Amino acid sequence: MRSVLAGMAFLLLACCCSMAADNLRLNQKLDYSSDSHDGPLITGDHMSAGVTYGKPNYIIIYGEGCYNSKRQARRTVELWEKYKGRVQFVVIDLDNGLSPSQEPIVKEHYQGSIPHVVVLDAKGKALYDKAGEVEESVISSTLDKALQ
């Protein structure tokens, strides 16, 4: 019985891991010079995904009408290209509502300023948790350490 339960837990974890935000694409109509609402900044598959333990997580929380968020969205898609499959990407668009798996993330990390970027290690410990734009090199360095 114990091995059956362990097998079921493994399958459940494997299914959760495969549900990372994937195939991320930047909205080509973004106006980086204004706070205009240009629609979702990032689109892709499994955009309602939440945190997965067992691998690092990169989380971006943003609003569509923020030029800082637009620039961070561009960096996010570039990071996804570099780390896809090795890092769980969680994209939270505050203008489109939260999925049940995203609500606890926002409650724990979001302090009212966007964009907000969080990097969690494989155990869920925050390695980076700040509002404002952050250079790709800073996040890459943090993710590289989390992957070691």
Protein backbone atom coordinates (compact mmCIF):
# COMPACT_ATOMS: atom_id res chain seq x y z
CA MET A 1 0.00 0.00 0.00
CA ARG A 2 2.83 2.37 0.88
CA SER A 3 4.49 1.86 -2.53
CA VAL A 4 1.18 2.49 -4.30
CA LEU A 5 0.75 5.78 -2.43
CA ALA A 6 4.35 6.76 -3.17
CA GLY A 7 3.79 6.03 -6.85
CA MET A 8 0.62 8.10 -6.91
CA ALA A 9 2.40 10.98 -5.18
CA PHE A 10 5.19 10.81 -7.76
CA LEU A 11 2.70 10.90 -10.64
CA LEU A 12 0.88 13.84 -9.09
CA LEU A 13 4.17 15.72 -8.64
CA ALA A 14 5.20 14.92 -12.22
CA CYS A 15 1.89 16.26 -13.53
CA CYS A 16 2.26 19.45 -11.51
CA CYS A 17 5.81 19.94 -12.75
CA SER A 18 4.72 19.72 -16.36
CA MET A 19 2.24 22.54 -15.90
CA ALA A 20 4.72 25.41 -15.89
CA ALA A 21 3.93 28.44 -17.99
CA ASP A 22 5.33 27.41 -21.36
CA ASN A 23 5.77 28.66 -24.91
CA LEU A 24 6.01 32.22 -23.62
CA ARG A 25 5.57 34.94 -26.21
CA LEU A 26 5.81 38.69 -25.87
CA ASN A 27 2.88 40.79 -27.07
CA GLN A 28 4.23 42.37 -30.27
CA LYS A 29 1.98 45.43 -29.87
CA LEU A 30 3.52 46.67 -26.62
CA ASP A 31 4.26 50.39 -26.45
CA TYR A 32 7.33 50.61 -24.22
CA SER A 33 7.13 54.40 -23.96
CA SER A 34 3.76 54.66 -22.21
CA ASP A 35 1.48 53.18 -19.60
CA SER A 36 -1.02 52.24 -22.29
CA HIS A 37 -3.06 49.06 -21.91
CA ASP A 38 -1.85 46.93 -24.83
CA GLY A 39 -3.34 43.63 -23.66
CA PRO A 40 -1.54 40.78 -21.91
CA LEU A 41 2.20 41.41 -21.91
CA ILE A 42 3.07 37.71 -22.10
CA THR A 43 1.02 34.89 -23.58
CA GLY A 44 1.63 31.17 -23.70
CA ASP A 45 0.44 27.82 -22.43
CA HIS A 46 -0.49 27.00 -18.82
CA MET A 47 -0.55 30.66 -17.82
CA SER A 48 -2.52 29.83 -14.65
CA ALA A 49 0.33 27.71 -13.29
CA GLY A 50 1.62 28.20 -9.78
CA VAL A 51 4.79 27.30 -7.92
CA THR A 52 6.27 23.83 -8.28
CA TYR A 53 8.67 22.46 -5.69
CA GLY A 54 11.65 20.42 -6.78
CA LYS A 55 12.96 23.00 -9.25
CA PRO A 56 13.64 26.73 -9.10
CA ASN A 57 10.73 29.07 -9.83
CA TYR A 58 10.82 32.44 -11.57
CA ILE A 59 7.72 34.49 -10.84
CA ILE A 60 6.69 37.78 -12.41
CA ILE A 61 3.70 39.73 -11.11
CA TYR A 62 2.66 42.59 -13.36
CA GLY A 63 -0.07 44.89 -14.58
CA GLU A 64 -0.72 45.45 -18.27
CA GLY A 65 -0.65 49.26 -18.15
CA CYS A 66 2.85 49.71 -16.74
CA TYR A 67 5.84 50.47 -18.94
CA ASN A 68 8.23 49.05 -16.32
CA SER A 69 6.25 45.80 -16.42
CA LYS A 70 6.46 45.80 -20.21
CA ARG A 71 10.25 45.97 -20.11
CA GLN A 72 10.40 43.27 -17.43
CA ALA A 73 8.08 41.10 -19.53
CA ARG A 74 10.59 41.29 -22.38
CA ARG A 75 13.35 40.13 -20.00
CA THR A 76 11.08 37.36 -18.71
CA VAL A 77 10.56 35.89 -22.18
CA GLU A 78 14.33 36.05 -22.80
CA LEU A 79 14.93 34.22 -19.50
CA TRP A 80 12.34 31.60 -20.43
CA GLU A 81 14.21 30.97 -23.69
CA LYS A 82 17.41 30.41 -21.71
CA TYR A 83 15.99 28.32 -18.84
CA LYS A 84 12.92 26.55 -20.27
CA GLY A 85 12.53 23.06 -18.91
CA ARG A 86 14.91 23.71 -15.99
CA VAL A 87 13.04 26.51 -14.22
CA GLN A 88 9.31 26.78 -13.47
CA PHE A 89 7.98 30.06 -14.89
CA VAL A 90 4.96 31.61 -13.22
CA VAL A 91 3.39 34.61 -14.96
CA ILE A 92 0.81 36.52 -12.94
CA ASP A 93 -1.13 39.22 -14.79
CA LEU A 94 -3.02 41.17 -12.13
CA ASP A 95 -5.40 42.52 -14.80
CA ASN A 96 -6.63 39.05 -15.80
CA GLY A 97 -7.49 37.61 -12.40
CA LEU A 98 -5.65 35.01 -10.40
CA SER A 99 -5.89 31.25 -10.61
CA PRO A 100 -6.30 29.38 -7.30
CA SER A 101 -2.64 28.31 -7.51
CA GLN A 102 -1.51 31.92 -7.97
CA GLU A 103 -3.49 33.46 -5.10
CA PRO A 104 -1.10 32.31 -2.33
CA ILE A 105 1.89 33.60 -4.31
CA VAL A 106 0.39 37.07 -4.58
CA LYS A 107 -0.66 37.03 -0.92
CA GLU A 108 2.84 36.10 0.24
CA HIS A 109 5.03 38.17 -2.09
CA TYR A 110 3.14 41.05 -3.72
CA GLN A 111 3.39 44.31 -1.79
CA GLY A 112 1.48 46.61 -4.16
CA SER A 113 4.21 47.64 -6.63
CA ILE A 114 4.78 46.27 -10.12
CA PRO A 115 6.57 44.63 -11.68
CA HIS A 116 7.41 42.27 -8.84
CA VAL A 117 9.91 39.47 -9.47
CA VAL A 118 10.47 36.48 -7.21
CA VAL A 119 12.96 33.64 -7.58
CA LEU A 120 12.43 30.61 -5.37
CA ASP A 121 14.86 27.76 -4.94
CA ALA A 122 13.72 24.16 -5.38
CA LYS A 123 12.49 24.05 -1.77
CA GLY A 124 10.47 27.26 -2.07
CA LYS A 125 12.88 29.62 -0.30
CA ALA A 126 12.95 33.12 -1.77
CA LEU A 127 16.36 33.94 -3.26
CA TYR A 128 15.11 37.17 -4.84
CA ASP A 129 11.89 39.00 -3.93
CA LYS A 130 11.67 42.64 -5.01
CA ALA A 131 9.48 45.09 -6.83
CA GLY A 132 10.80 47.09 -9.76
CA GLU A 133 12.70 46.23 -12.88
CA VAL A 134 15.64 43.88 -12.52
CA GLU A 135 18.33 43.25 -15.10
CA GLU A 136 18.42 39.85 -16.77
CA SER A 137 22.00 39.29 -15.57
CA VAL A 138 20.94 39.58 -11.91
CA ILE A 139 18.17 37.01 -12.33
CA SER A 140 20.38 34.73 -14.45
CA SER A 141 22.99 34.71 -11.72
CA THR A 142 20.34 33.88 -9.12
CA LEU A 143 18.82 31.11 -11.26
CA ASP A 144 22.26 29.64 -12.03
CA LYS A 145 22.97 29.39 -8.29
CA ALA A 146 19.56 27.82 -7.68
CA LEU A 147 20.23 25.20 -10.36
CA GLN A 148 23.51 24.05 -8.79
